[in-house]
C-alpha atoms as a PDB file:
ATOM      1  CA  MET A   1      -8.945 -38.949  37.654  1.00  0.00           C
ATOM      2  CA  ASN A   2      -7.286 -37.762  40.820  1.00  0.00           C
ATOM      3  CA  ARG A   3      -7.555 -34.306  42.321  1.00  0.00           C
ATOM      4  CA  ARG A   4      -4.144 -33.166  40.960  1.00  0.00           C
ATOM      5  CA  ASP A   5      -5.113 -34.136  37.380  1.00  0.00           C
ATOM      6  CA  ALA A   6      -8.462 -32.349  37.732  1.00  0.00           C
ATOM      7  CA  VAL A   7      -6.737 -29.127  38.899  1.00  0.00           C
ATOM      8  CA  LEU A   8      -4.228 -29.298  36.030  1.00  0.00           C
ATOM      9  CA  MET A   9      -7.007 -29.926  33.534  1.00  0.00           C
ATOM     10  CA  THR A  10      -9.039 -26.984  34.884  1.00  0.00           C
ATOM     11  CA  ALA A  11      -5.995 -24.716  34.800  1.00  0.00           C
ATOM     12  CA  SER A  12      -5.208 -25.763  31.221  1.00  0.00           C
ATOM     13  CA  THR A  13      -8.797 -25.141  30.155  1.00  0.00           C
ATOM     14  CA  LEU A  14      -8.782 -21.681  31.762  1.00  0.00           C
ATOM     15  CA  ALA A  15      -5.443 -20.796  30.127  1.00  0.00           C
ATOM     16  CA  ALA A  16      -6.764 -21.878  26.733  1.00  0.00           C
ATOM     17  CA  GLY A  17      -9.905 -19.823  27.318  1.00  0.00           C
ATOM     18  CA  PHE A  18      -7.884 -16.714  28.165  1.00  0.00           C
ATOM     19  CA  SER A  19      -5.748 -17.247  25.063  1.00  0.00           C
ATOM     20  CA  LEU A  20      -8.842 -17.516  22.906  1.00  0.00           C
ATOM     21  CA  ALA A  21     -10.273 -14.357  24.459  1.00  0.00           C
ATOM     22  CA  ALA A  22      -7.238 -12.477  23.189  1.00  0.00           C
ATOM     23  CA  LEU A  23      -7.594 -13.995  19.713  1.00  0.00           C
ATOM     24  CA  PRO A  24     -10.133 -11.645  18.069  1.00  0.00           C
ATOM     25  CA  GLY A  25      -7.742  -8.678  17.857  1.00  0.00           C
ATOM     26  CA  THR A  26      -4.886 -10.872  16.733  1.00  0.00           C
ATOM     27  CA  ALA A  27      -7.111 -12.746  14.315  1.00  0.00           C
ATOM     28  CA  ARG A  28      -8.482  -9.457  13.022  1.00  0.00           C
ATOM     29  CA  ALA A  29      -4.946  -8.164  12.339  1.00  0.00           C
ATOM     30  CA  ALA A  30      -3.937 -11.407  10.657  1.00  0.00           C
ATOM     31  CA  SER A  31      -7.163 -11.445   8.673  1.00  0.00           C
ATOM     32  CA  LEU A  32      -6.699  -7.872   7.388  1.00  0.00           C
ATOM     33  CA  LYS A  33      -3.089  -8.585   6.435  1.00  0.00           C
ATOM     34  CA  ARG A  34      -4.144 -11.801   4.661  1.00  0.00           C
ATOM     35  CA  ARG A  35      -6.773  -9.839   2.722  1.00  0.00           C
ATOM     36  CA  LEU A  36      -4.155  -7.317   1.574  1.00  0.00           C
ATOM     37  CA  VAL A  37      -1.442  -9.781   0.551  1.00  0.00           C
ATOM     38  CA  GLY A  38      -1.205 -10.184  -3.199  1.00  0.00           C
ATOM     39  CA  THR A  39      -0.767  -8.286  -6.425  1.00  0.00           C
ATOM     40  CA  TRP A  40      -2.972  -5.288  -7.193  1.00  0.00           C
ATOM     41  CA  SER A  41      -3.456  -3.386 -10.476  1.00  0.00           C
ATOM     42  CA  LEU A  42      -4.070   0.351 -10.501  1.00  0.00           C
ATOM     43  CA  VAL A  43      -7.613   1.450 -11.329  1.00  0.00           C
ATOM     44  CA  SER A  44      -7.238   5.194 -10.715  1.00  0.00           C
ATOM     45  CA  ALA A  45      -5.004   7.797  -9.110  1.00  0.00           C
ATOM     46  CA  ARG A  46      -6.710  11.151  -8.554  1.00  0.00           C
ATOM     47  CA  ASN A  47      -5.439  14.226  -6.777  1.00  0.00           C
ATOM     48  CA  GLN A  48      -7.781  16.710  -5.115  1.00  0.00           C
ATOM     49  CA  SER A  49      -6.488  20.213  -4.445  1.00  0.00           C
ATOM     50  CA  ALA A  50      -7.516  22.348  -1.462  1.00  0.00           C
ATOM     51  CA  ASN A  51     -10.149  24.080  -3.643  1.00  0.00           C
ATOM     52  CA  GLY A  52     -11.686  20.703  -4.587  1.00  0.00           C
ATOM     53  CA  ALA A  53     -10.389  20.494  -8.166  1.00  0.00           C
ATOM     54  CA  HIS A  54      -9.477  16.980  -9.357  1.00  0.00           C
ATOM     55  CA  SER A  55      -6.485  16.070 -11.508  1.00  0.00           C
ATOM     56  CA  SER A  56      -4.259  13.154 -12.312  1.00  0.00           C
ATOM     57  CA  GLY A  57      -0.940  13.073 -10.541  1.00  0.00           C
ATOM     58  CA  PHE A  58       0.616  11.166 -13.435  1.00  0.00           C
ATOM     59  CA  GLY A  59      -0.800  12.795 -16.558  1.00  0.00           C
ATOM     60  CA  GLY A  60      -3.780  10.487 -17.096  1.00  0.00           C
ATOM     61  CA  SER A  61      -4.264   6.904 -18.298  1.00  0.00           C
ATOM     62  CA  GLU A  62      -2.086   5.587 -15.487  1.00  0.00           C
ATOM     63  CA  LYS A  63      -1.027   1.982 -15.180  1.00  0.00           C
ATOM     64  CA  GLY A  64       0.393   0.538 -12.023  1.00  0.00           C
ATOM     65  CA  LEU A  65       1.155  -2.487  -9.962  1.00  0.00           C
ATOM     66  CA  LEU A  66       1.306  -2.927  -6.184  1.00  0.00           C
ATOM     67  CA  ILE A  67       2.744  -6.087  -4.655  1.00  0.00           C
ATOM     68  CA  LEU A  68       2.236  -6.753  -0.935  1.00  0.00           C
ATOM     69  CA  ASP A  69       3.852 -10.043   0.032  1.00  0.00           C
ATOM     70  CA  ALA A  70       3.131 -12.127   3.119  1.00  0.00           C
ATOM     71  CA  SER A  71       6.616 -11.565   4.553  1.00  0.00           C
ATOM     72  CA  GLY A  72       6.034  -7.796   4.661  1.00  0.00           C
ATOM     73  CA  HIS A  73       7.749  -6.585   1.483  1.00  0.00           C
ATOM     74  CA  VAL A  74       6.135  -4.022  -0.825  1.00  0.00           C
ATOM     75  CA  SER A  75       6.828  -2.968  -4.393  1.00  0.00           C
ATOM     76  CA  LEU A  76       4.837  -0.232  -6.135  1.00  0.00           C
ATOM     77  CA  MET A  77       5.080   1.209  -9.628  1.00  0.00           C
ATOM     78  CA  ILE A  78       2.788   3.786 -11.245  1.00  0.00           C
ATOM     79  CA  LEU A  79       3.388   4.999 -14.795  1.00  0.00           C
ATOM     80  CA  GLY A  80       1.402   7.776 -16.437  1.00  0.00           C
ATOM     81  CA  GLY A  81      -0.052   7.037 -19.860  1.00  0.00           C
ATOM     82  CA  ALA A  82       1.056  10.454 -21.131  1.00  0.00           C
ATOM     83  CA  ARG A  83       4.731   9.435 -21.086  1.00  0.00           C
ATOM     84  CA  ARG A  84       6.313   9.650 -24.541  1.00  0.00           C
ATOM     85  CA  ARG A  85       9.104   7.733 -26.191  1.00  0.00           C
ATOM     86  CA  PHE A  86      12.468   9.493 -26.261  1.00  0.00           C
ATOM     87  CA  ALA A  87      13.218  10.712 -29.787  1.00  0.00           C
ATOM     88  CA  GLY A  88      16.827   9.513 -29.610  1.00  0.00           C
ATOM     89  CA  GLY A  89      15.861   6.113 -28.220  1.00  0.00           C
ATOM     90  CA  ASP A  90      18.383   6.368 -25.339  1.00  0.00           C
ATOM     91  CA  ARG A  91      17.062   6.935 -21.820  1.00  0.00           C
ATOM     92  CA  LEU A  92      20.452   8.320 -20.749  1.00  0.00           C
ATOM     93  CA  ARG A  93      20.433  11.019 -23.451  1.00  0.00           C
ATOM     94  CA  GLY A  94      16.909  12.428 -23.270  1.00  0.00           C
ATOM     95  CA  THR A  95      16.179  16.101 -23.731  1.00  0.00           C
ATOM     96  CA  ALA A  96      15.272  18.224 -20.693  1.00  0.00           C
ATOM     97  CA  GLU A  97      11.597  18.011 -21.709  1.00  0.00           C
ATOM     98  CA  GLU A  98      11.724  14.236 -22.202  1.00  0.00           C
ATOM     99  CA  ASN A  99      13.405  13.721 -18.834  1.00  0.00           C
ATOM    100  CA  GLN A 100      10.965  16.031 -17.029  1.00  0.00           C
ATOM    101  CA  ALA A 101       7.954  14.202 -18.509  1.00  0.00           C
ATOM    102  CA  ALA A 102       9.444  10.812 -17.605  1.00  0.00           C
ATOM    103  CA  VAL A 103      10.000  11.849 -13.981  1.00  0.00           C
ATOM    104  CA  ALA A 104       6.578  13.510 -13.625  1.00  0.00           C
ATOM    105  CA  GLY A 105       4.827  10.435 -14.999  1.00  0.00           C
ATOM    106  CA  THR A 106       6.598   7.799 -12.907  1.00  0.00           C
ATOM    107  CA  LEU A 107       6.625   6.707  -9.278  1.00  0.00           C
ATOM    108  CA  ALA A 108       8.221   3.483  -8.098  1.00  0.00           C
ATOM    109  CA  TYR A 109       9.355   2.323  -4.698  1.00  0.00           C
ATOM    110  CA  PHE A 110      10.059  -0.767  -2.630  1.00  0.00           C
ATOM    111  CA  GLY A 111      10.487  -1.517   1.048  1.00  0.00           C
ATOM    112  CA  THR A 112       8.424  -3.110   3.794  1.00  0.00           C
ATOM    113  CA  TRP A 113       4.819  -2.811   4.908  1.00  0.00           C
ATOM    114  CA  THR A 114       2.611  -3.348   7.934  1.00  0.00           C
ATOM    115  CA  VAL A 115      -1.069  -2.715   8.590  1.00  0.00           C
ATOM    116  CA  ASP A 116      -2.814  -1.585  11.766  1.00  0.00           C
ATOM    117  CA  SER A 117      -6.088  -3.487  11.964  1.00  0.00           C
ATOM    118  CA  LYS A 118      -7.739  -1.001  14.335  1.00  0.00           C
ATOM    119  CA  THR A 119      -7.004   2.154  12.338  1.00  0.00           C
ATOM    120  CA  ARG A 120      -6.869   0.353   8.959  1.00  0.00           C
ATOM    121  CA  VAL A 121      -3.705   2.252   8.051  1.00  0.00           C
ATOM    122  CA  LEU A 122      -1.039   0.765   5.798  1.00  0.00           C
ATOM    123  CA  THR A 123       2.493   1.834   6.709  1.00  0.00           C
ATOM    124  CA  PHE A 124       5.200   1.680   4.068  1.00  0.00           C
ATOM    125  CA  LYS A 125       8.848   1.962   5.121  1.00  0.00           C
ATOM    126  CA  ILE A 126      10.443   2.884   1.828  1.00  0.00           C
ATOM    127  CA  THR A 127      13.931   1.575   1.168  1.00  0.00           C
ATOM    128  CA  ALA A 128      14.376   3.293  -2.205  1.00  0.00           C
ATOM    129  CA  SER A 129      12.197   5.193  -4.666  1.00  0.00           C
ATOM    130  CA  SER A 130      12.322   6.735  -8.120  1.00  0.00           C
ATOM    131  CA  PHE A 131      11.606   9.962  -6.168  1.00  0.00           C
ATOM    132  CA  ALA A 132      14.744  10.041  -4.014  1.00  0.00           C
ATOM    133  CA  ASN A 133      13.057  12.225  -1.368  1.00  0.00           C
ATOM    134  CA  PHE A 134      11.051   9.111  -0.357  1.00  0.00           C
ATOM    135  CA  ASP A 135      14.206   7.033   0.306  1.00  0.00           C
ATOM    136  CA  GLY A 136      14.208   5.958   3.962  1.00  0.00           C
ATOM    137  CA  SER A 137      10.824   7.559   4.653  1.00  0.00           C
ATOM    138  CA  THR A 138       7.701   6.151   6.268  1.00  0.00           C
ATOM    139  CA  GLN A 139       4.465   6.662   4.329  1.00  0.00           C
ATOM    140  CA  LEU A 140       0.961   6.153   5.755  1.00  0.00           C
ATOM    141  CA  ARG A 141      -1.999   5.109   3.602  1.00  0.00           C
ATOM    142  CA  PRO A 142      -5.382   5.022   5.392  1.00  0.00           C
ATOM    143  CA  ILE A 143      -7.589   2.356   3.786  1.00  0.00           C
ATOM    144  CA  VAL A 144     -10.921   3.931   2.809  1.00  0.00           C
ATOM    145  CA  SER A 145     -12.535   0.691   1.622  1.00  0.00           C
ATOM    146  CA  LEU A 146     -11.507  -2.895   1.033  1.00  0.00           C
ATOM    147  CA  THR A 147     -13.286  -5.798  -0.615  1.00  0.00           C
ATOM    148  CA  ASP A 148     -11.874  -9.102  -1.845  1.00  0.00           C
ATOM    149  CA  GLN A 149     -11.305  -7.510  -5.258  1.00  0.00           C
ATOM    150  CA  GLU A 150     -10.762  -3.782  -4.641  1.00  0.00           C
ATOM    151  CA  MET A 151      -8.815  -1.515  -2.287  1.00  0.00           C
ATOM    152  CA  HIS A 152      -9.167   2.254  -2.037  1.00  0.00           C
ATOM    153  CA  TRP A 153      -6.669   4.258  -0.021  1.00  0.00           C
ATOM    154  CA  HIS A 154      -6.190   7.896   0.795  1.00  0.00           C
ATOM    155  CA  ASN A 155      -2.847   9.685   0.724  1.00  0.00           C
ATOM    156  CA  PRO A 156      -3.356  12.890   2.706  1.00  0.00           C
ATOM    157  CA  THR A 157       0.096  14.347   2.002  1.00  0.00           C
ATOM    158  CA  PRO A 158       1.428  13.632  -1.482  1.00  0.00           C
ATOM    159  CA  THR A 159       4.309  15.773  -2.681  1.00  0.00           C
ATOM    160  CA  SER A 160       1.975  17.723  -4.991  1.00  0.00           C
ATOM    161  CA  GLY A 161       0.244  19.376  -2.042  1.00  0.00           C
ATOM    162  CA  ALA A 162      -3.127  17.856  -2.951  1.00  0.00           C
ATOM    163  CA  SER A 163      -4.656  14.807  -1.306  1.00  0.00           C
ATOM    164  CA  ALA A 164      -4.637  11.664  -3.428  1.00  0.00           C
ATOM    165  CA  GLU A 165      -7.218   8.907  -3.792  1.00  0.00           C
ATOM    166  CA  ILE A 166      -5.803   5.667  -5.156  1.00  0.00           C
ATOM    167  CA  VAL A 167      -7.926   2.658  -6.181  1.00  0.00           C
ATOM    168  CA  TRP A 168      -6.450  -0.790  -6.778  1.00  0.00           C
ATOM    169  CA  ARG A 169      -8.078  -3.971  -8.129  1.00  0.00           C
ATOM    170  CA  ARG A 170      -6.744  -7.415  -7.334  1.00  0.00           C
ATOM    171  CA  ALA A 171      -4.669  -8.596 -10.312  1.00  0.00           C
ATOM    172  CA  ARG A 172      -5.748 -11.746 -12.101  1.00  0.00           C
END
């Protein structure tokens, strides 16, 4: 090996070493995103008011699905178990009470998502939602805990004025 080859080899080794030194943060971000990708089923959705009282934001017995795909798309749907069938059987001709209960017991949206590995905050950029006020908005969801099978996030500013604690379990 001549001197020129030795210098090039040393320089290449140093460059690779510097690249690897930068890897932990990048790997950490990729690892957290990989852990979040998938389909999640709702376990619970609880609101806590300023005075500490707990309630359901969807009327109880909620069911929901959260899909976080690897390309950065999100789809979320939460339906309250207290929703009732419309007496007339036509969703376009419900009574005022039926329509109000349907809206209060439903939240759905889709858009894109990212996660900050340092702060562990999910960011949703909502394209469209069943609650039109969310259309075009950015929503932040700090992750409280995450295991391979369960995710718990906090929503500090839901529209109800209370903070919300949402728990998801990986769908099977």
